[in-house]
PDB file of all heavy atoms in Angstrom:
ATOM      1  N   ALA A   1      16.159 -11.008   8.164  1.00  0.00           N
ATOM      2  CA  ALA A   1      17.379 -10.450   8.731  1.00  0.00           C
ATOM      3  C   ALA A   1      17.108 -10.124  10.192  1.00  0.00           C
ATOM      4  O   ALA A   1      15.996  -9.744  10.565  1.00  0.00           O
ATOM      5  CB  ALA A   1      17.783  -9.194   7.975  1.00  0.00           C
ATOM      6  N   ASP A   2      18.137 -10.258  11.019  1.00  0.00           N
ATOM      7  CA  ASP A   2      17.962  -9.987  12.447  1.00  0.00           C
ATOM      8  C   ASP A   2      17.450  -8.574  12.688  1.00  0.00           C
ATOM      9  O   ASP A   2      16.678  -8.331  13.620  1.00  0.00           O
ATOM     10  CB  ASP A   2      19.285 -10.190  13.182  1.00  0.00           C
ATOM     11  CG  ASP A   2      19.665 -11.655  13.301  1.00  0.00           C
ATOM     12  OD1 ASP A   2      18.788 -12.522  13.113  1.00  0.00           O
ATOM     13  OD2 ASP A   2      20.856 -11.933  13.579  1.00  0.00           O
ATOM     14  N   SER A   3      17.875  -7.648  11.858  1.00  0.00           N
ATOM     15  CA  SER A   3      17.536  -6.240  12.073  1.00  0.00           C
ATOM     16  C   SER A   3      16.053  -5.933  11.865  1.00  0.00           C
ATOM     17  O   SER A   3      15.580  -4.883  12.288  1.00  0.00           O
ATOM     18  CB  SER A   3      18.369  -5.360  11.136  1.00  0.00           C
ATOM     19  OG  SER A   3      18.121  -5.704   9.790  1.00  0.00           O
ATOM     20  N   VAL A   4      15.314  -6.841  11.217  1.00  0.00           N
ATOM     21  CA  VAL A   4      13.900  -6.556  10.946  1.00  0.00           C
ATOM     22  C   VAL A   4      12.956  -7.541  11.641  1.00  0.00           C
ATOM     23  O   VAL A   4      11.737  -7.386  11.543  1.00  0.00           O
ATOM     24  CB  VAL A   4      13.613  -6.544   9.426  1.00  0.00           C
ATOM     25  CG1 VAL A   4      14.574  -5.590   8.714  1.00  0.00           C
ATOM     26  CG2 VAL A   4      13.684  -7.934   8.825  1.00  0.00           C
ATOM     27  N   LYS A   5      13.502  -8.524  12.312  1.00  0.00           N
ATOM     28  CA  LYS A   5      12.655  -9.510  12.986  1.00  0.00           C
ATOM     29  C   LYS A   5      11.727  -8.820  13.980  1.00  0.00           C
ATOM     30  O   LYS A   5      12.143  -7.957  14.744  1.00  0.00           O
ATOM     31  CB  LYS A   5      13.520 -10.540  13.709  1.00  0.00           C
ATOM     32  CG  LYS A   5      14.116 -11.590  12.795  1.00  0.00           C
ATOM     33  CD  LYS A   5      14.954 -12.597  13.587  1.00  0.00           C
ATOM     34  CE  LYS A   5      15.569 -13.627  12.662  1.00  0.00           C
ATOM     35  NZ  LYS A   5      16.452 -14.566  13.401  1.00  0.00           N
ATOM     36  N   GLY A   6      10.472  -9.214  13.943  1.00  0.00           N
ATOM     37  CA  GLY A   6       9.489  -8.647  14.849  1.00  0.00           C
ATOM     38  C   GLY A   6       8.853  -7.375  14.342  1.00  0.00           C
ATOM     39  O   GLY A   6       7.859  -6.894  14.909  1.00  0.00           O
ATOM     40  N   ARG A   7       9.408  -6.798  13.271  1.00  0.00           N
ATOM     41  CA  ARG A   7       8.866  -5.567  12.713  1.00  0.00           C
ATOM     42  C   ARG A   7       8.332  -5.751  11.289  1.00  0.00           C
ATOM     43  O   ARG A   7       7.357  -5.104  10.915  1.00  0.00           O
ATOM     44  CB  ARG A   7       9.943  -4.470  12.705  1.00  0.00           C
ATOM     45  CG  ARG A   7      10.497  -4.137  14.063  1.00  0.00           C
ATOM     46  CD  ARG A   7      11.418  -2.921  14.010  1.00  0.00           C
ATOM     47  NE  ARG A   7      12.601  -3.144  13.168  1.00  0.00           N
ATOM     48  CZ  ARG A   7      12.913  -2.402  12.117  1.00  0.00           C
ATOM     49  NH1 ARG A   7      12.135  -1.387  11.759  1.00  0.00           N
ATOM     50  NH2 ARG A   7      14.009  -2.652  11.405  1.00  0.00           N
ATOM     51  N   PHE A   8       8.981  -6.601  10.524  1.00  0.00           N
ATOM     52  CA  PHE A   8       8.590  -6.821   9.126  1.00  0.00           C
ATOM     53  C   PHE A   8       7.963  -8.198   8.980  1.00  0.00           C
ATOM     54  O   PHE A   8       8.354  -9.146   9.675  1.00  0.00           O
ATOM     55  CB  PHE A   8       9.812  -6.747   8.214  1.00  0.00           C
ATOM     56  CG  PHE A   8      10.429  -5.382   8.059  1.00  0.00           C
ATOM     57  CD1 PHE A   8      10.061  -4.309   8.855  1.00  0.00           C
ATOM     58  CD2 PHE A   8      11.406  -5.169   7.091  1.00  0.00           C
ATOM     59  CE1 PHE A   8      10.638  -3.065   8.712  1.00  0.00           C
ATOM     60  CE2 PHE A   8      11.992  -3.930   6.922  1.00  0.00           C
ATOM     61  CZ  PHE A   8      11.613  -2.876   7.749  1.00  0.00           C
ATOM     62  N   THR A   9       7.017  -8.289   8.060  1.00  0.00           N
ATOM     63  CA  THR A   9       6.381  -9.565   7.756  1.00  0.00           C
ATOM     64  C   THR A   9       6.324  -9.744   6.246  1.00  0.00           C
ATOM     65  O   THR A   9       5.815  -8.876   5.526  1.00  0.00           O
ATOM     66  CB  THR A   9       4.958  -9.625   8.324  1.00  0.00           C
ATOM     67  OG1 THR A   9       4.994  -9.417   9.741  1.00  0.00           O
ATOM     68  CG2 THR A   9       4.332 -10.984   8.039  1.00  0.00           C
ATOM     69  N   ILE A  10       6.847 -10.878   5.781  1.00  0.00           N
ATOM     70  CA  ILE A  10       6.809 -11.195   4.354  1.00  0.00           C
ATOM     71  C   ILE A  10       5.718 -12.222   4.097  1.00  0.00           C
ATOM     72  O   ILE A  10       5.484 -13.111   4.931  1.00  0.00           O
ATOM     73  CB  ILE A  10       8.179 -11.701   3.858  1.00  0.00           C
ATOM     74  CG1 ILE A  10       8.199 -11.789   2.322  1.00  0.00           C
ATOM     75  CG2 ILE A  10       8.551 -13.030   4.508  1.00  0.00           C
ATOM     76  CD1 ILE A  10       9.604 -12.039   1.751  1.00  0.00           C
ATOM     77  N   SER A  11       5.048 -12.079   2.970  1.00  0.00           N
ATOM     78  CA  SER A  11       4.027 -13.052   2.584  1.00  0.00           C
ATOM     79  C   SER A  11       4.013 -13.150   1.063  1.00  0.00           C
ATOM     80  O   SER A  11       4.580 -12.296   0.380  1.00  0.00           O
ATOM     81  CB  SER A  11       2.653 -12.638   3.112  1.00  0.00           C
ATOM     82  OG  SER A  11       2.273 -11.365   2.605  1.00  0.00           O
ATOM     83  N   ARG A  12       3.380 -14.202   0.564  1.00  0.00           N
ATOM     84  CA  ARG A  12       3.323 -14.362  -0.885  1.00  0.00           C
ATOM     85  C   ARG A  12       1.987 -14.937  -1.297  1.00  0.00           C
ATOM     86  O   ARG A  12       1.360 -15.678  -0.543  1.00  0.00           O
ATOM     87  CB  ARG A  12       4.481 -15.228  -1.406  1.00  0.00           C
ATOM     88  CG  ARG A  12       4.469 -16.668  -0.956  1.00  0.00           C
ATOM     89  CD  ARG A  12       5.800 -17.358  -1.303  1.00  0.00           C
ATOM     90  NE  ARG A  12       5.844 -17.824  -2.676  1.00  0.00           N
ATOM     91  CZ  ARG A  12       6.935 -18.344  -3.246  1.00  0.00           C
ATOM     92  NH1 ARG A  12       8.064 -18.414  -2.571  1.00  0.00           N
ATOM     93  NH2 ARG A  12       6.913 -18.769  -4.498  1.00  0.00           N
ATOM     94  N   ASP A  13       1.586 -14.596  -2.504  1.00  0.00           N
ATOM     95  CA  ASP A  13       0.378 -15.133  -3.117  1.00  0.00           C
ATOM     96  C   ASP A  13       0.856 -15.882  -4.359  1.00  0.00           C
ATOM     97  O   ASP A  13       1.194 -15.257  -5.370  1.00  0.00           O
ATOM     98  CB  ASP A  13      -0.576 -13.996  -3.477  1.00  0.00           C
ATOM     99  CG  ASP A  13      -1.886 -14.486  -4.058  1.00  0.00           C
ATOM    100  OD1 ASP A  13      -1.905 -15.552  -4.706  1.00  0.00           O
ATOM    101  OD2 ASP A  13      -2.894 -13.788  -3.886  1.00  0.00           O
ATOM    102  N   ASN A  14       0.918 -17.196  -4.273  1.00  0.00           N
ATOM    103  CA  ASN A  14       1.465 -17.978  -5.374  1.00  0.00           C
ATOM    104  C   ASN A  14       0.610 -17.882  -6.633  1.00  0.00           C
ATOM    105  O   ASN A  14       1.127 -17.903  -7.746  1.00  0.00           O
ATOM    106  CB  ASN A  14       1.622 -19.439  -4.958  1.00  0.00           C
ATOM    107  CG  ASN A  14       2.765 -19.628  -3.979  1.00  0.00           C
ATOM    108  OD1 ASN A  14       3.737 -18.869  -3.977  1.00  0.00           O
ATOM    109  ND2 ASN A  14       2.658 -20.629  -3.125  1.00  0.00           N
ATOM    110  N   ALA A  15      -0.685 -17.762  -6.462  1.00  0.00           N
ATOM    111  CA  ALA A  15      -1.573 -17.671  -7.626  1.00  0.00           C
ATOM    112  C   ALA A  15      -1.311 -16.380  -8.405  1.00  0.00           C
ATOM    113  O   ALA A  15      -1.374 -16.364  -9.641  1.00  0.00           O
ATOM    114  CB  ALA A  15      -3.025 -17.744  -7.180  1.00  0.00           C
ATOM    115  N   LYS A  16      -1.016 -15.306  -7.686  1.00  0.00           N
ATOM    116  CA  LYS A  16      -0.755 -14.016  -8.321  1.00  0.00           C
ATOM    117  C   LYS A  16       0.732 -13.777  -8.567  1.00  0.00           C
ATOM    118  O   LYS A  16       1.104 -12.750  -9.131  1.00  0.00           O
ATOM    119  CB  LYS A  16      -1.301 -12.881  -7.456  1.00  0.00           C
ATOM    120  CG  LYS A  16      -2.813 -12.888  -7.301  1.00  0.00           C
ATOM    121  CD  LYS A  16      -3.272 -11.715  -6.436  1.00  0.00           C
ATOM    122  CE  LYS A  16      -4.778 -11.706  -6.273  1.00  0.00           C
ATOM    123  NZ  LYS A  16      -5.233 -10.584  -5.420  1.00  0.00           N
ATOM    124  N   ILE A  17       1.552 -14.707  -8.130  1.00  0.00           N
ATOM    125  CA  ILE A  17       3.016 -14.587  -8.215  1.00  0.00           C
ATOM    126  C   ILE A  17       3.433 -13.223  -7.687  1.00  0.00           C
ATOM    127  O   ILE A  17       4.130 -12.421  -8.339  1.00  0.00           O
ATOM    128  CB  ILE A  17       3.533 -14.813  -9.643  1.00  0.00           C
ATOM    129  CG1 ILE A  17       2.801 -15.993 -10.291  1.00  0.00           C
ATOM    130  CG2 ILE A  17       5.032 -15.151  -9.610  1.00  0.00           C
ATOM    131  CD1 ILE A  17       3.187 -16.269 -11.718  1.00  0.00           C
ATOM    132  N   THR A  18       2.993 -12.964  -6.483  1.00  0.00           N
ATOM    133  CA  THR A  18       3.229 -11.677  -5.840  1.00  0.00           C
ATOM    134  C   THR A  18       3.779 -11.901  -4.438  1.00  0.00           C
ATOM    135  O   THR A  18       3.340 -12.817  -3.739  1.00  0.00           O
ATOM    136  CB  THR A  18       1.922 -10.873  -5.767  1.00  0.00           C
ATOM    137  OG1 THR A  18       1.439 -10.636  -7.095  1.00  0.00           O
ATOM    138  CG2 THR A  18       2.135  -9.532  -5.074  1.00  0.00           C
ATOM    139  N   VAL A  19       4.720 -11.071  -4.073  1.00  0.00           N
ATOM    140  CA  VAL A  19       5.273 -11.116  -2.723  1.00  0.00           C
ATOM    141  C   VAL A  19       5.075  -9.745  -2.083  1.00  0.00           C
ATOM    142  O   VAL A  19       5.152  -8.714  -2.755  1.00  0.00           O
ATOM    143  CB  VAL A  19       6.769 -11.521  -2.740  1.00  0.00           C
ATOM    144  CG1 VAL A  19       7.624 -10.501  -3.468  1.00  0.00           C
ATOM    145  CG2 VAL A  19       7.280 -11.780  -1.340  1.00  0.00           C
ATOM    146  N   TYR A  20       4.788  -9.773  -0.790  1.00  0.00           N
ATOM    147  CA  TYR A  20       4.516  -8.551  -0.044  1.00  0.00           C
ATOM    148  C   TYR A  20       5.504  -8.422   1.115  1.00  0.00           C
ATOM    149  O   TYR A  20       5.999  -9.421   1.637  1.00  0.00           O
ATOM    150  CB  TYR A  20       3.092  -8.578   0.526  1.00  0.00           C
ATOM    151  CG  TYR A  20       2.015  -8.827  -0.494  1.00  0.00           C
ATOM    152  CD1 TYR A  20       1.540 -10.111  -0.716  1.00  0.00           C
ATOM    153  CD2 TYR A  20       1.482  -7.789  -1.248  1.00  0.00           C
ATOM    154  CE1 TYR A  20       0.543 -10.358  -1.657  1.00  0.00           C
ATOM    155  CE2 TYR A  20       0.495  -8.024  -2.191  1.00  0.00           C
ATOM    156  CZ  TYR A  20       0.035  -9.308  -2.391  1.00  0.00           C
ATOM    157  OH  TYR A  20      -0.945  -9.543  -3.331  1.00  0.00           O
ATOM    158  N   LEU A  21       5.749  -7.186   1.517  1.00  0.00           N
ATOM    159  CA  LEU A  21       6.553  -6.934   2.708  1.00  0.00           C
ATOM    160  C   LEU A  21       5.855  -5.857   3.527  1.00  0.00           C
ATOM    161  O   LEU A  21       5.800  -4.693   3.121  1.00  0.00           O
ATOM    162  CB  LEU A  21       7.966  -6.474   2.332  1.00  0.00           C
ATOM    163  CG  LEU A  21       8.922  -6.312   3.516  1.00  0.00           C
ATOM    164  CD1 LEU A  21       9.238  -7.685   4.127  1.00  0.00           C
ATOM    165  CD2 LEU A  21      10.218  -5.629   3.090  1.00  0.00           C
ATOM    166  N   GLN A  22       5.290  -6.272   4.647  1.00  0.00           N
ATOM    167  CA  GLN A  22       4.674  -5.328   5.574  1.00  0.00           C
ATOM    168  C   GLN A  22       5.751  -4.861   6.541  1.00  0.00           C
ATOM    169  O   GLN A  22       6.349  -5.672   7.241  1.00  0.00           O
ATOM    170  CB  GLN A  22       3.531  -6.004   6.337  1.00  0.00           C
ATOM    171  CG  GLN A  22       2.865  -5.108   7.370  1.00  0.00           C
ATOM    172  CD  GLN A  22       2.146  -3.935   6.745  1.00  0.00           C
ATOM    173  OE1 GLN A  22       1.462  -4.077   5.742  1.00  0.00           O
ATOM    174  NE2 GLN A  22       2.287  -2.756   7.353  1.00  0.00           N
ATOM    175  N   MET A  23       5.978  -3.560   6.559  1.00  0.00           N
ATOM    176  CA  MET A  23       7.032  -2.987   7.389  1.00  0.00           C
ATOM    177  C   MET A  23       6.409  -2.083   8.446  1.00  0.00           C
ATOM    178  O   MET A  23       5.778  -1.076   8.111  1.00  0.00           O
ATOM    179  CB  MET A  23       8.013  -2.192   6.516  1.00  0.00           C
ATOM    180  CG  MET A  23       8.607  -3.002   5.373  1.00  0.00           C
ATOM    181  SD  MET A  23       9.875  -2.098   4.445  1.00  0.00           S
ATOM    182  CE  MET A  23       8.876  -0.819   3.698  1.00  0.00           C
ATOM    183  N   ASN A  24       6.557  -2.471   9.694  1.00  0.00           N
ATOM    184  CA  ASN A  24       6.028  -1.697  10.815  1.00  0.00           C
ATOM    185  C   ASN A  24       7.175  -1.173  11.672  1.00  0.00           C
ATOM    186  O   ASN A  24       8.304  -1.652  11.585  1.00  0.00           O
ATOM    187  CB  ASN A  24       5.102  -2.569  11.662  1.00  0.00           C
ATOM    188  CG  ASN A  24       3.895  -3.066  10.901  1.00  0.00           C
ATOM    189  OD1 ASN A  24       3.389  -2.404   9.992  1.00  0.00           O
ATOM    190  ND2 ASN A  24       3.420  -4.251  11.253  1.00  0.00           N
ATOM    191  N   SER A  25       6.858  -0.208  12.515  1.00  0.00           N
ATOM    192  CA  SER A  25       7.850   0.367  13.431  1.00  0.00           C
ATOM    193  C   SER A  25       9.123   0.743  12.687  1.00  0.00           C
ATOM    194  O   SER A  25      10.237   0.408  13.112  1.00  0.00           O
ATOM    195  CB  SER A  25       8.169  -0.628  14.557  1.00  0.00           C
ATOM    196  OG  SER A  25       7.002  -0.976  15.268  1.00  0.00           O
ATOM    197  N   LEU A  26       8.962   1.430  11.597  1.00  0.00           N
ATOM    198  CA  LEU A  26      10.112   1.761  10.761  1.00  0.00           C
ATOM    199  C   LEU A  26      11.074   2.694  11.474  1.00  0.00           C
ATOM    200  O   LEU A  26      10.672   3.564  12.262  1.00  0.00           O
ATOM    201  CB  LEU A  26       9.638   2.379   9.447  1.00  0.00           C
ATOM    202  CG  LEU A  26       9.103   1.366   8.439  1.00  0.00           C
ATOM    203  CD1 LEU A  26       8.220   2.026   7.394  1.00  0.00           C
ATOM    204  CD2 LEU A  26      10.253   0.625   7.773  1.00  0.00           C
ATOM    205  N   LYS A  27      12.353   2.482  11.183  1.00  0.00           N
ATOM    206  CA  LYS A  27      13.430   3.268  11.774  1.00  0.00           C
ATOM    207  C   LYS A  27      14.201   3.974  10.665  1.00  0.00           C
ATOM    208  O   LYS A  27      14.161   3.547   9.499  1.00  0.00           O
ATOM    209  CB  LYS A  27      14.382   2.361  12.545  1.00  0.00           C
ATOM    210  CG  LYS A  27      13.719   1.507  13.609  1.00  0.00           C
ATOM    211  CD  LYS A  27      14.737   0.556  14.232  1.00  0.00           C
ATOM    212  CE  LYS A  27      14.098  -0.338  15.283  1.00  0.00           C
ATOM    213  NZ  LYS A  27      15.090  -1.279  15.876  1.00  0.00           N
ATOM    214  N   SER A  28      14.941   4.993  11.036  1.00  0.00           N
ATOM    215  CA  SER A  28      15.715   5.725  10.027  1.00  0.00           C
ATOM    216  C   SER A  28      16.707   4.810   9.332  1.00  0.00           C
ATOM    217  O   SER A  28      16.988   4.980   8.139  1.00  0.00           O
ATOM    218  CB  SER A  28      16.436   6.905  10.668  1.00  0.00           C
ATOM    219  OG  SER A  28      17.278   6.474  11.719  1.00  0.00           O
ATOM    220  N   GLU A  29      17.207   3.809  10.057  1.00  0.00           N
ATOM    221  CA  GLU A  29      18.179   2.895   9.440  1.00  0.00           C
ATOM    222  C   GLU A  29      17.547   1.929   8.435  1.00  0.00           C
ATOM    223  O   GLU A  29      18.261   1.175   7.779  1.00  0.00           O
ATOM    224  CB  GLU A  29      18.949   2.104  10.508  1.00  0.00           C
ATOM    225  CG  GLU A  29      18.079   1.428  11.531  1.00  0.00           C
ATOM    226  CD  GLU A  29      17.969   2.236  12.823  1.00  0.00           C
ATOM    227  OE1 GLU A  29      17.754   3.480  12.736  1.00  0.00           O
ATOM    228  OE2 GLU A  29      18.090   1.629  13.907  1.00  0.00           O
ATOM    229  N   ASP A  30      16.229   1.948   8.313  1.00  0.00           N
ATOM    230  CA  ASP A  30      15.556   1.158   7.280  1.00  0.00           C
ATOM    231  C   ASP A  30      15.545   1.890   5.940  1.00  0.00           C
ATOM    232  O   ASP A  30      15.132   1.319   4.922  1.00  0.00           O
ATOM    233  CB  ASP A  30      14.115   0.850   7.686  1.00  0.00           C
ATOM    234  CG  ASP A  30      14.015  -0.044   8.910  1.00  0.00           C
ATOM    235  OD1 ASP A  30      14.797  -1.012   8.994  1.00  0.00           O
ATOM    236  OD2 ASP A  30      13.173   0.238   9.783  1.00  0.00           O
ATOM    237  N   THR A  31      15.985   3.132   5.922  1.00  0.00           N
ATOM    238  CA  THR A  31      16.026   3.901   4.674  1.00  0.00           C
ATOM    239  C   THR A  31      16.963   3.241   3.674  1.00  0.00           C
ATOM    240  O   THR A  31      18.126   2.978   3.974  1.00  0.00           O
ATOM    241  CB  THR A  31      16.492   5.340   4.951  1.00  0.00           C
ATOM    242  OG1 THR A  31      15.513   5.998   5.760  1.00  0.00           O
ATOM    243  CG2 THR A  31      16.671   6.114   3.655  1.00  0.00           C
ATOM    244  N   ALA A  32      16.427   2.938   2.495  1.00  0.00           N
ATOM    245  CA  ALA A  32      17.203   2.250   1.464  1.00  0.00           C
ATOM    246  C   ALA A  32      16.336   2.100   0.217  1.00  0.00           C
ATOM    247  O   ALA A  32      15.133   2.374   0.243  1.00  0.00           O
ATOM    248  CB  ALA A  32      17.640   0.868   1.953  1.00  0.00           C
TER     249      ALA A  32
END
């Protein structure tokens, strides 16, 4: 999403069937 570009990074481990979301520079509007 445009609102998280440059701050969030998504990655996945197919072997573990796991997805990650690294969230940096969090803002109050990220509350959810």
